């Protein structure tokens, strides 16, 4: 499992920089830069969305990774010990990114 910090406060799964989804998927099959990745698991937090208080809050999460050019991608799983998903008040998954993406040289 990967230790995850998520700054995407506009996501319905975000609770105190933790993800309550249990697992996420990072997209960016042809990515060569951080801004060419995104969190496909993003779900916009609506005005009337309930908080995820009943869900398990954890910093450890399974990360499926479609960013094949990332050094941490091992058979479509993230092997990094710690990653960050960035995007603040994103309204779509395209406004998020895997801030830990590192392109293979």
PDB file of N, CA and C in Angstrom:
ATOM      1  N   UNK A   1       0.836  -1.184   0.000  1.00  0.00           N
ATOM      2  CA  UNK A   1       0.000   0.000   0.000  1.00  0.00           C
ATOM      3  C   UNK A   1       0.879   1.245   0.000  1.00  0.00           C
ATOM      4  N   UNK A   2       0.311   2.300  -0.517  1.00  0.00           N
ATOM      5  CA  UNK A   2       1.018   3.578  -0.646  1.00  0.00           C
ATOM      6  C   UNK A   2       0.453   4.587   0.339  1.00  0.00           C
ATOM      7  N   UNK A   3       1.323   5.365   0.954  1.00  0.00           N
ATOM      8  CA  UNK A   3       0.920   6.438   1.852  1.00  0.00           C
ATOM      9  C   UNK A   3       0.508   7.607   0.967  1.00  0.00           C
ATOM     10  N   UNK A   4      -0.723   8.095   1.092  1.00  0.00           N
ATOM     11  CA  UNK A   4      -1.271   9.118   0.203  1.00  0.00           C
ATOM     12  C   UNK A   4      -1.641  10.389   0.936  1.00  0.00           C
ATOM     13  N   UNK A   5      -1.167  11.514   0.412  1.00  0.00           N
ATOM     14  CA  UNK A   5      -1.614  12.839   0.841  1.00  0.00           C
ATOM     15  C   UNK A   5      -2.419  13.397  -0.324  1.00  0.00           C
ATOM     16  N   UNK A   6      -3.662  13.777  -0.060  1.00  0.00           N
ATOM     17  CA  UNK A   6      -4.527  14.303  -1.111  1.00  0.00           C
ATOM     18  C   UNK A   6      -4.962  15.717  -0.759  1.00  0.00           C
ATOM     19  N   UNK A   7      -4.595  16.661  -1.608  1.00  0.00           N
ATOM     20  CA  UNK A   7      -4.973  18.052  -1.363  1.00  0.00           C
ATOM     21  C   UNK A   7      -6.224  18.457  -2.142  1.00  0.00           C
ATOM     22  N   UNK A   8      -6.893  17.491  -2.754  1.00  0.00           N
ATOM     23  CA  UNK A   8      -8.063  17.778  -3.583  1.00  0.00           C
ATOM     24  C   UNK A   8      -9.308  17.874  -2.699  1.00  0.00           C
ATOM     25  N   UNK A   9      -9.468  19.030  -2.072  1.00  0.00           N
ATOM     26  CA  UNK A   9     -10.580  19.225  -1.135  1.00  0.00           C
ATOM     27  C   UNK A   9     -11.931  19.248  -1.832  1.00  0.00           C
ATOM     28  N   UNK A  10     -11.942  19.421  -3.145  1.00  0.00           N
ATOM     29  CA  UNK A  10     -13.184  19.405  -3.910  1.00  0.00           C
ATOM     30  C   UNK A  10     -13.670  18.004  -4.232  1.00  0.00           C
ATOM     31  N   UNK A  11     -12.954  16.975  -3.771  1.00  0.00           N
ATOM     32  CA  UNK A  11     -13.339  15.582  -4.042  1.00  0.00           C
ATOM     33  C   UNK A  11     -14.202  15.037  -2.912  1.00  0.00           C
ATOM     34  N   UNK A  12     -15.236  14.324  -3.272  1.00  0.00           N
ATOM     35  CA  UNK A  12     -16.156  13.747  -2.290  1.00  0.00           C
ATOM     36  C   UNK A  12     -15.469  12.732  -1.385  1.00  0.00           C
ATOM     37  N   UNK A  13     -14.363  12.149  -1.822  1.00  0.00           N
ATOM     38  CA  UNK A  13     -13.667  11.132  -1.034  1.00  0.00           C
ATOM     39  C   UNK A  13     -12.618  11.714  -0.084  1.00  0.00           C
ATOM     40  N   UNK A  14     -12.342  13.024  -0.181  1.00  0.00           N
ATOM     41  CA  UNK A  14     -11.304  13.639   0.640  1.00  0.00           C
ATOM     42  C   UNK A  14     -11.835  13.977   2.029  1.00  0.00           C
ATOM     43  N   UNK A  15     -11.118  13.519   3.026  1.00  0.00           N
ATOM     44  CA  UNK A  15     -11.440  13.824   4.423  1.00  0.00           C
ATOM     45  C   UNK A  15     -10.119  14.070   5.146  1.00  0.00           C
ATOM     46  N   UNK A  16      -9.838  15.325   5.481  1.00  0.00           N
ATOM     47  CA  UNK A  16      -8.602  15.690   6.177  1.00  0.00           C
ATOM     48  C   UNK A  16      -7.352  15.193   5.458  1.00  0.00           C
ATOM     49  N   UNK A  17      -7.279  15.427   4.138  1.00  0.00           N
ATOM     50  CA  UNK A  17      -6.151  15.045   3.279  1.00  0.00           C
ATOM     51  C   UNK A  17      -5.996  13.536   3.151  1.00  0.00           C
ATOM     52  N   UNK A  18      -7.004  12.782   3.546  1.00  0.00           N
ATOM     53  CA  UNK A  18      -7.025  11.331   3.382  1.00  0.00           C
ATOM     54  C   UNK A  18      -8.082  10.975   2.347  1.00  0.00           C
ATOM     55  N   UNK A  19      -7.946   9.818   1.725  1.00  0.00           N
ATOM     56  CA  UNK A  19      -8.920   9.349   0.758  1.00  0.00           C
ATOM     57  C   UNK A  19      -9.751   8.239   1.400  1.00  0.00           C
ATOM     58  N   UNK A  20     -11.057   8.411   1.372  1.00  0.00           N
ATOM     59  CA  UNK A  20     -11.966   7.436   1.967  1.00  0.00           C
ATOM     60  C   UNK A  20     -12.440   6.398   0.960  1.00  0.00           C
ATOM     61  N   UNK A  21     -11.943   6.447  -0.258  1.00  0.00           N
ATOM     62  CA  UNK A  21     -12.399   5.520  -1.300  1.00  0.00           C
ATOM     63  C   UNK A  21     -11.842   4.113  -1.101  1.00  0.00           C
ATOM     64  N   UNK A  22     -10.663   3.996  -0.535  1.00  0.00           N
ATOM     65  CA  UNK A  22     -10.055   2.677  -0.331  1.00  0.00           C
ATOM     66  C   UNK A  22      -9.020   2.331  -1.384  1.00  0.00           C
ATOM     67  N   UNK A  23      -9.231   2.808  -2.613  1.00  0.00           N
ATOM     68  CA  UNK A  23      -8.275   2.630  -3.693  1.00  0.00           C
ATOM     69  C   UNK A  23      -8.538   3.703  -4.735  1.00  0.00           C
ATOM     70  N   UNK A  24      -7.500   4.100  -5.438  1.00  0.00           N
ATOM     71  CA  UNK A  24      -7.650   5.094  -6.499  1.00  0.00           C
ATOM     72  C   UNK A  24      -6.942   4.612  -7.749  1.00  0.00           C
ATOM     73  N   UNK A  25      -7.232   5.292  -8.860  1.00  0.00           N
ATOM     74  CA  UNK A  25      -6.549   5.007 -10.121  1.00  0.00           C
ATOM     75  C   UNK A  25      -5.992   6.309 -10.672  1.00  0.00           C
ATOM     76  N   UNK A  26      -4.710   6.308 -10.986  1.00  0.00           N
ATOM     77  CA  UNK A  26      -4.043   7.450 -11.601  1.00  0.00           C
ATOM     78  C   UNK A  26      -3.969   7.185 -13.099  1.00  0.00           C
ATOM     79  N   UNK A  27      -4.465   8.147 -13.889  1.00  0.00           N
ATOM     80  CA  UNK A  27      -4.411   8.061 -15.350  1.00  0.00           C
ATOM     81  C   UNK A  27      -3.230   8.854 -15.875  1.00  0.00           C
ATOM     82  N   UNK A  28      -2.860   8.557 -17.113  1.00  0.00           N
ATOM     83  CA  UNK A  28      -1.769   9.286 -17.771  1.00  0.00           C
ATOM     84  C   UNK A  28      -0.924   8.340 -18.592  1.00  0.00           C
ATOM     85  N   UNK A  29      -1.581   7.495 -19.363  1.00  0.00           N
ATOM     86  CA  UNK A  29      -0.890   6.451 -20.138  1.00  0.00           C
ATOM     87  C   UNK A  29       0.311   6.986 -20.900  1.00  0.00           C
ATOM     88  N   UNK A  30       0.177   8.161 -21.521  1.00  0.00           N
ATOM     89  CA  UNK A  30       1.278   8.720 -22.311  1.00  0.00           C
ATOM     90  C   UNK A  30       1.973   9.888 -21.620  1.00  0.00           C
ATOM     91  N   UNK A  31       1.755  10.036 -20.331  1.00  0.00           N
ATOM     92  CA  UNK A  31       2.290  11.180 -19.581  1.00  0.00           C
ATOM     93  C   UNK A  31       3.816  11.193 -19.556  1.00  0.00           C
ATOM     94  N   UNK A  32       4.336  12.418 -19.680  1.00  0.00           N
ATOM     95  CA  UNK A  32       5.776  12.664 -19.509  1.00  0.00           C
ATOM     96  C   UNK A  32       6.001  13.741 -18.463  1.00  0.00           C
ATOM     97  N   UNK A  33       4.894  14.379 -18.040  1.00  0.00           N
ATOM     98  CA  UNK A  33       4.952  15.438 -17.030  1.00  0.00           C
ATOM     99  C   UNK A  33       3.811  15.226 -16.032  1.00  0.00           C
ATOM    100  N   UNK A  34       3.975  15.784 -14.838  1.00  0.00           N
ATOM    101  CA  UNK A  34       2.970  15.693 -13.772  1.00  0.00           C
ATOM    102  C   UNK A  34       1.600  16.139 -14.261  1.00  0.00           C
ATOM    103  N   UNK A  35       1.558  17.265 -15.005  1.00  0.00           N
ATOM    104  CA  UNK A  35       0.265  17.812 -15.423  1.00  0.00           C
ATOM    105  C   UNK A  35      -0.433  16.993 -16.511  1.00  0.00           C
ATOM    106  N   UNK A  36       0.189  15.907 -16.924  1.00  0.00           N
ATOM    107  CA  UNK A  36      -0.440  14.992 -17.885  1.00  0.00           C
ATOM    108  C   UNK A  36      -1.029  13.763 -17.183  1.00  0.00           C
ATOM    109  N   UNK A  37      -1.057  13.805 -15.862  1.00  0.00           N
ATOM    110  CA  UNK A  37      -1.664  12.735 -15.065  1.00  0.00           C
ATOM    111  C   UNK A  37      -2.917  13.277 -14.385  1.00  0.00           C
ATOM    112  N   UNK A  38      -3.751  12.369 -13.880  1.00  0.00           N
ATOM    113  CA  UNK A  38      -4.921  12.801 -13.096  1.00  0.00           C
ATOM    114  C   UNK A  38      -5.426  11.629 -12.265  1.00  0.00           C
ATOM    115  N   UNK A  39      -6.235  11.946 -11.279  1.00  0.00           N
ATOM    116  CA  UNK A  39      -6.865  10.926 -10.441  1.00  0.00           C
ATOM    117  C   UNK A  39      -8.221  10.590 -11.055  1.00  0.00           C
ATOM    118  N   UNK A  40      -8.298   9.447 -11.720  1.00  0.00           N
ATOM    119  CA  UNK A  40      -9.545   9.015 -12.361  1.00  0.00           C
ATOM    120  C   UNK A  40     -10.635   8.749 -11.331  1.00  0.00           C
ATOM    121  N   UNK A  41     -10.268   8.512 -10.082  1.00  0.00           N
ATOM    122  CA  UNK A  41     -11.234   8.190  -9.027  1.00  0.00           C
ATOM    123  C   UNK A  41     -11.912   9.428  -8.448  1.00  0.00           C
ATOM    124  N   UNK A  42     -11.502  10.616  -8.885  1.00  0.00           N
ATOM    125  CA  UNK A  42     -12.085  11.858  -8.402  1.00  0.00           C
ATOM    126  C   UNK A  42     -13.608  11.872  -8.591  1.00  0.00           C
ATOM    127  N   UNK A  43     -14.300  12.333  -7.568  1.00  0.00           N
ATOM    128  CA  UNK A  43     -15.749  12.564  -7.640  1.00  0.00           C
ATOM    129  C   UNK A  43     -16.018  13.922  -7.003  1.00  0.00           C
ATOM    130  N   UNK A  44     -16.631  14.813  -7.765  1.00  0.00           N
ATOM    131  CA  UNK A  44     -16.853  16.169  -7.259  1.00  0.00           C
ATOM    132  C   UNK A  44     -17.740  16.163  -6.026  1.00  0.00           C
ATOM    133  N   UNK A  45     -17.312  16.926  -5.032  1.00  0.00           N
ATOM    134  CA  UNK A  45     -18.086  17.096  -3.804  1.00  0.00           C
ATOM    135  C   UNK A  45     -19.135  18.170  -4.086  1.00  0.00           C
ATOM    136  N   UNK A  46     -20.391  17.786  -4.100  1.00  0.00           N
ATOM    137  CA  UNK A  46     -21.468  18.740  -4.334  1.00  0.00           C
ATOM    138  C   UNK A  46     -21.772  19.528  -3.076  1.00  0.00           C
ATOM    139  N   UNK A  47     -22.536  20.595  -3.238  1.00  0.00           N
ATOM    140  CA  UNK A  47     -22.901  21.427  -2.092  1.00  0.00           C
ATOM    141  C   UNK A  47     -23.626  20.635  -1.013  1.00  0.00           C
ATOM    142  N   UNK A  48     -24.416  19.671  -1.423  1.00  0.00           N
ATOM    143  CA  UNK A  48     -25.204  18.893  -0.468  1.00  0.00           C
ATOM    144  C   UNK A  48     -24.597  17.525  -0.187  1.00  0.00           C
ATOM    145  N   UNK A  49     -23.354  17.302  -0.612  1.00  0.00           N
ATOM    146  CA  UNK A  49     -22.716  16.006  -0.387  1.00  0.00           C
ATOM    147  C   UNK A  49     -22.468  15.764   1.086  1.00  0.00           C
ATOM    148  N   UNK A  50     -22.761  14.565   1.502  1.00  0.00           N
ATOM    149  CA  UNK A  50     -22.476  14.185   2.890  1.00  0.00           C
ATOM    150  C   UNK A  50     -20.989  13.910   3.024  1.00  0.00           C
ATOM    151  N   UNK A  51     -20.439  14.214   4.162  1.00  0.00           N
ATOM    152  CA  UNK A  51     -19.044  13.887   4.427  1.00  0.00           C
ATOM    153  C   UNK A  51     -18.912  12.373   4.552  1.00  0.00           C
ATOM    154  N   UNK A  52     -17.715  11.885   4.406  1.00  0.00           N
ATOM    155  CA  UNK A  52     -17.450  10.456   4.437  1.00  0.00           C
ATOM    156  C   UNK A  52     -17.169   9.961   5.848  1.00  0.00           C
ATOM    157  N   UNK A  53     -17.800  10.526   6.844  1.00  0.00           N
ATOM    158  CA  UNK A  53     -17.513  10.211   8.237  1.00  0.00           C
ATOM    159  C   UNK A  53     -17.688   8.730   8.562  1.00  0.00           C
ATOM    160  N   UNK A  54     -18.586   8.062   7.899  1.00  0.00           N
ATOM    161  CA  UNK A  54     -18.849   6.649   8.189  1.00  0.00           C
ATOM    162  C   UNK A  54     -17.820   5.736   7.526  1.00  0.00           C
ATOM    163  N   UNK A  55     -17.055   6.254   6.581  1.00  0.00           N
ATOM    164  CA  UNK A  55     -16.081   5.444   5.859  1.00  0.00           C
ATOM    165  C   UNK A  55     -14.760   5.396   6.615  1.00  0.00           C
ATOM    166  N   UNK A  56     -13.972   4.389   6.305  1.00  0.00           N
ATOM    167  CA  UNK A  56     -12.658   4.227   6.905  1.00  0.00           C
ATOM    168  C   UNK A  56     -11.714   5.286   6.357  1.00  0.00           C
ATOM    169  N   UNK A  57     -11.154   6.105   7.225  1.00  0.00           N
ATOM    170  CA  UNK A  57     -10.213   7.145   6.824  1.00  0.00           C
ATOM    171  C   UNK A  57      -8.803   6.618   7.061  1.00  0.00           C
ATOM    172  N   UNK A  58      -7.993   6.633   5.995  1.00  0.00           N
ATOM    173  CA  UNK A  58      -6.647   6.103   6.108  1.00  0.00           C
ATOM    174  C   UNK A  58      -5.723   6.831   5.155  1.00  0.00           C
ATOM    175  N   UNK A  59      -4.478   6.937   5.530  1.00  0.00           N
ATOM    176  CA  UNK A  59      -3.459   7.514   4.648  1.00  0.00           C
ATOM    177  C   UNK A  59      -2.861   6.429   3.749  1.00  0.00           C
ATOM    178  N   UNK A  60      -3.100   5.158   4.075  1.00  0.00           N
ATOM    179  CA  UNK A  60      -2.590   4.062   3.255  1.00  0.00           C
ATOM    180  C   UNK A  60      -3.681   3.602   2.306  1.00  0.00           C
ATOM    181  N   UNK A  61      -3.316   3.475   1.022  1.00  0.00           N
ATOM    182  CA  UNK A  61      -4.314   3.194   0.004  1.00  0.00           C
ATOM    183  C   UNK A  61      -3.682   2.421  -1.157  1.00  0.00           C
ATOM    184  N   UNK A  62      -4.476   1.603  -1.819  1.00  0.00           N
ATOM    185  CA  UNK A  62      -4.026   0.918  -3.028  1.00  0.00           C
ATOM    186  C   UNK A  62      -4.147   1.888  -4.197  1.00  0.00           C
ATOM    187  N   UNK A  63      -3.098   1.976  -5.023  1.00  0.00           N
ATOM    188  CA  UNK A  63      -3.101   2.888  -6.161  1.00  0.00           C
ATOM    189  C   UNK A  63      -2.822   2.115  -7.441  1.00  0.00           C
ATOM    190  N   UNK A  64      -3.837   2.036  -8.298  1.00  0.00           N
ATOM    191  CA  UNK A  64      -3.655   1.501  -9.639  1.00  0.00           C
ATOM    192  C   UNK A  64      -3.100   2.638 -10.472  1.00  0.00           C
ATOM    193  N   UNK A  65      -2.100   2.358 -11.291  1.00  0.00           N
ATOM    194  CA  UNK A  65      -1.437   3.420 -12.046  1.00  0.00           C
ATOM    195  C   UNK A  65      -1.400   3.091 -13.531  1.00  0.00           C
ATOM    196  N   UNK A  66      -2.024   3.962 -14.324  1.00  0.00           N
ATOM    197  CA  UNK A  66      -2.018   3.837 -15.778  1.00  0.00           C
ATOM    198  C   UNK A  66      -0.884   4.654 -16.401  1.00  0.00           C
ATOM    199  N   UNK A  67      -0.144   5.405 -15.576  1.00  0.00           N
ATOM    200  CA  UNK A  67       0.958   6.242 -16.069  1.00  0.00           C
ATOM    201  C   UNK A  67       2.187   5.359 -16.303  1.00  0.00           C
ATOM    202  N   UNK A  68       2.214   4.717 -17.441  1.00  0.00           N
ATOM    203  CA  UNK A  68       3.252   3.725 -17.762  1.00  0.00           C
ATOM    204  C   UNK A  68       4.665   4.288 -17.782  1.00  0.00           C
ATOM    205  N   UNK A  69       4.810   5.589 -17.995  1.00  0.00           N
ATOM    206  CA  UNK A  69       6.145   6.204 -18.044  1.00  0.00           C
ATOM    207  C   UNK A  69       6.665   6.614 -16.676  1.00  0.00           C
ATOM    208  N   UNK A  70       5.920   6.351 -15.618  1.00  0.00           N
ATOM    209  CA  UNK A  70       6.353   6.735 -14.273  1.00  0.00           C
ATOM    210  C   UNK A  70       7.300   5.682 -13.685  1.00  0.00           C
ATOM    211  N   UNK A  71       8.337   6.138 -13.025  1.00  0.00           N
ATOM    212  CA  UNK A  71       9.306   5.218 -12.418  1.00  0.00           C
ATOM    213  C   UNK A  71       8.671   4.352 -11.325  1.00  0.00           C
ATOM    214  N   UNK A  72       7.555   4.796 -10.758  1.00  0.00           N
ATOM    215  CA  UNK A  72       6.901   4.055  -9.687  1.00  0.00           C
ATOM    216  C   UNK A  72       5.867   3.051 -10.189  1.00  0.00           C
ATOM    217  N   UNK A  73       5.627   3.013 -11.496  1.00  0.00           N
ATOM    218  CA  UNK A  73       4.642   2.094 -12.058  1.00  0.00           C
ATOM    219  C   UNK A  73       5.262   0.705 -12.208  1.00  0.00           C
ATOM    220  N   UNK A  74       4.709  -0.243 -11.471  1.00  0.00           N
ATOM    221  CA  UNK A  74       5.140  -1.637 -11.573  1.00  0.00           C
ATOM    222  C   UNK A  74       3.910  -2.489 -11.862  1.00  0.00           C
ATOM    223  N   UNK A  75       3.790  -2.889 -13.117  1.00  0.00           N
ATOM    224  CA  UNK A  75       2.648  -3.696 -13.550  1.00  0.00           C
ATOM    225  C   UNK A  75       1.317  -3.036 -13.198  1.00  0.00           C
ATOM    226  N   UNK A  76       1.229  -1.727 -13.485  1.00  0.00           N
ATOM    227  CA  UNK A  76       0.022  -0.913 -13.274  1.00  0.00           C
ATOM    228  C   UNK A  76      -0.367  -0.759 -11.805  1.00  0.00           C
ATOM    229  N   UNK A  77       0.605  -0.874 -10.917  1.00  0.00           N
ATOM    230  CA  UNK A  77       0.428  -0.580  -9.497  1.00  0.00           C
ATOM    231  C   UNK A  77       1.510   0.408  -9.096  1.00  0.00           C
ATOM    232  N   UNK A  78       1.149   1.344  -8.219  1.00  0.00           N
ATOM    233  CA  UNK A  78       2.128   2.322  -7.747  1.00  0.00           C
ATOM    234  C   UNK A  78       3.008   1.673  -6.693  1.00  0.00           C
ATOM    235  N   UNK A  79       4.321   1.768  -6.889  1.00  0.00           N
ATOM    236  CA  UNK A  79       5.265   1.177  -5.949  1.00  0.00           C
ATOM    237  C   UNK A  79       5.883   2.217  -5.011  1.00  0.00           C
ATOM    238  N   UNK A  80       5.489   3.482  -5.158  1.00  0.00           N
ATOM    239  CA  UNK A  80       6.040   4.536  -4.298  1.00  0.00           C
ATOM    240  C   UNK A  80       5.563   4.343  -2.866  1.00  0.00           C
ATOM    241  N   UNK A  81       6.425   4.654  -1.925  1.00  0.00           N
ATOM    242  CA  UNK A  81       6.036   4.580  -0.517  1.00  0.00           C
ATOM    243  C   UNK A  81       5.060   5.687  -0.161  1.00  0.00           C
ATOM    244  N   UNK A  82       5.185   6.851  -0.839  1.00  0.00           N
ATOM    245  CA  UNK A  82       4.409   8.034  -0.497  1.00  0.00           C
ATOM    246  C   UNK A  82       4.138   8.843  -1.765  1.00  0.00           C
ATOM    247  N   UNK A  83       2.879   9.177  -2.029  1.00  0.00           N
ATOM    248  CA  UNK A  83       2.549  10.034  -3.169  1.00  0.00           C
ATOM    249  C   UNK A  83       1.608  11.145  -2.732  1.00  0.00           C
ATOM    250  N   UNK A  84       1.487  12.125  -3.592  1.00  0.00           N
ATOM    251  CA  UNK A  84       0.552  13.220  -3.365  1.00  0.00           C
ATOM    252  C   UNK A  84      -0.341  13.403  -4.572  1.00  0.00           C
ATOM    253  N   UNK A  85      -1.623  13.589  -4.330  1.00  0.00           N
ATOM    254  CA  UNK A  85      -2.560  13.947  -5.384  1.00  0.00           C
ATOM    255  C   UNK A  85      -2.893  15.416  -5.162  1.00  0.00           C
ATOM    256  N   UNK A  86      -2.698  16.231  -6.190  1.00  0.00           N
ATOM    257  CA  UNK A  86      -2.899  17.677  -6.086  1.00  0.00           C
ATOM    258  C   UNK A  86      -4.081  18.104  -6.941  1.00  0.00           C
ATOM    259  N   UNK A  87      -4.656  19.246  -6.542  1.00  0.00           N
ATOM    260  CA  UNK A  87      -5.756  19.785  -7.332  1.00  0.00           C
ATOM    261  C   UNK A  87      -6.674  20.713  -6.566  1.00  0.00           C
ATOM    262  N   UNK A  88      -6.434  20.920  -5.286  1.00  0.00           N
ATOM    263  CA  UNK A  88      -7.219  21.866  -4.500  1.00  0.00           C
ATOM    264  C   UNK A  88      -8.715  21.703  -4.651  1.00  0.00           C
ATOM    265  N   UNK A  89      -9.364  22.723  -5.188  1.00  0.00           N
ATOM    266  CA  UNK A  89     -10.822  22.712  -5.350  1.00  0.00           C
ATOM    267  C   UNK A  89     -11.238  22.253  -6.742  1.00  0.00           C
ATOM    268  N   UNK A  90     -10.575  21.254  -7.270  1.00  0.00           N
ATOM    269  CA  UNK A  90     -10.872  20.732  -8.605  1.00  0.00           C
ATOM    270  C   UNK A  90     -12.355  20.386  -8.745  1.00  0.00           C
ATOM    271  N   UNK A  91     -12.861  20.593  -9.958  1.00  0.00           N
ATOM    272  CA  UNK A  91     -14.259  20.250 -10.268  1.00  0.00           C
ATOM    273  C   UNK A  91     -14.352  19.050 -11.204  1.00  0.00           C
ATOM    274  N   UNK A  92     -13.227  18.662 -11.805  1.00  0.00           N
ATOM    275  CA  UNK A  92     -13.177  17.500 -12.691  1.00  0.00           C
ATOM    276  C   UNK A  92     -11.887  16.730 -12.415  1.00  0.00           C
ATOM    277  N   UNK A  93     -11.841  15.484 -12.831  1.00  0.00           N
ATOM    278  CA  UNK A  93     -10.618  14.702 -12.611  1.00  0.00           C
ATOM    279  C   UNK A  93      -9.450  15.293 -13.390  1.00  0.00           C
ATOM    280  N   UNK A  94      -9.715  15.940 -14.522  1.00  0.00           N
ATOM    281  CA  UNK A  94      -8.666  16.561 -15.317  1.00  0.00           C
ATOM    282  C   UNK A  94      -7.968  17.721 -14.628  1.00  0.00           C
ATOM    283  N   UNK A  95      -8.554  18.222 -13.557  1.00  0.00           N
ATOM    284  CA  UNK A  95      -7.943  19.303 -12.790  1.00  0.00           C
ATOM    285  C   UNK A  95      -7.124  18.770 -11.624  1.00  0.00           C
ATOM    286  N   UNK A  96      -6.978  17.466 -11.536  1.00  0.00           N
ATOM    287  CA  UNK A  96      -6.151  16.837 -10.506  1.00  0.00           C
ATOM    288  C   UNK A  96      -4.880  16.310 -11.156  1.00  0.00           C
ATOM    289  N   UNK A  97      -3.888  15.952 -10.340  1.00  0.00           N
ATOM    290  CA  UNK A  97      -2.670  15.368 -10.878  1.00  0.00           C
ATOM    291  C   UNK A  97      -1.935  14.595  -9.805  1.00  0.00           C
ATOM    292  N   UNK A  98      -1.171  13.614 -10.254  1.00  0.00           N
ATOM    293  CA  UNK A  98      -0.303  12.881  -9.331  1.00  0.00           C
ATOM    294  C   UNK A  98       0.976  13.702  -9.211  1.00  0.00           C
ATOM    295  N   UNK A  99       1.109  14.404  -8.104  1.00  0.00           N
ATOM    296  CA  UNK A  99       2.247  15.294  -7.896  1.00  0.00           C
ATOM    297  C   UNK A  99       3.556  14.524  -7.731  1.00  0.00           C
ATOM    298  N   UNK A 100       3.466  13.224  -7.545  1.00  0.00           N
ATOM    299  CA  UNK A 100       4.652  12.393  -7.345  1.00  0.00           C
ATOM    300  C   UNK A 100       5.129  11.722  -8.620  1.00  0.00           C
ATOM    301  N   UNK A 101       4.453  11.954  -9.730  1.00  0.00           N
ATOM    302  CA  UNK A 101       4.850  11.370 -11.005  1.00  0.00           C
ATOM    303  C   UNK A 101       6.291  11.726 -11.313  1.00  0.00           C
ATOM    304  N   UNK A 102       7.058  10.730 -11.715  1.00  0.00           N
ATOM    305  CA  UNK A 102       8.451  10.945 -12.106  1.00  0.00           C
ATOM    306  C   UNK A 102       8.698  10.136 -13.375  1.00  0.00           C
ATOM    307  N   UNK A 103       8.965  10.824 -14.461  1.00  0.00           N
ATOM    308  CA  UNK A 103       9.109  10.170 -15.755  1.00  0.00           C
ATOM    309  C   UNK A 103      10.403   9.353 -15.827  1.00  0.00           C
ATOM    310  N   UNK A 104      10.274   8.145 -16.392  1.00  0.00           N
ATOM    311  CA  UNK A 104      11.454   7.314 -16.629  1.00  0.00           C
ATOM    312  C   UNK A 104      12.333   8.027 -17.629  1.00  0.00           C
ATOM    313  N   UNK A 105      13.599   7.988 -17.437  1.00  0.00           N
ATOM    314  CA  UNK A 105      14.554   8.678 -18.327  1.00  0.00           C
ATOM    315  C   UNK A 105      14.944   7.807 -19.473  1.00  0.00           C
TER     316      UNK A 105
END
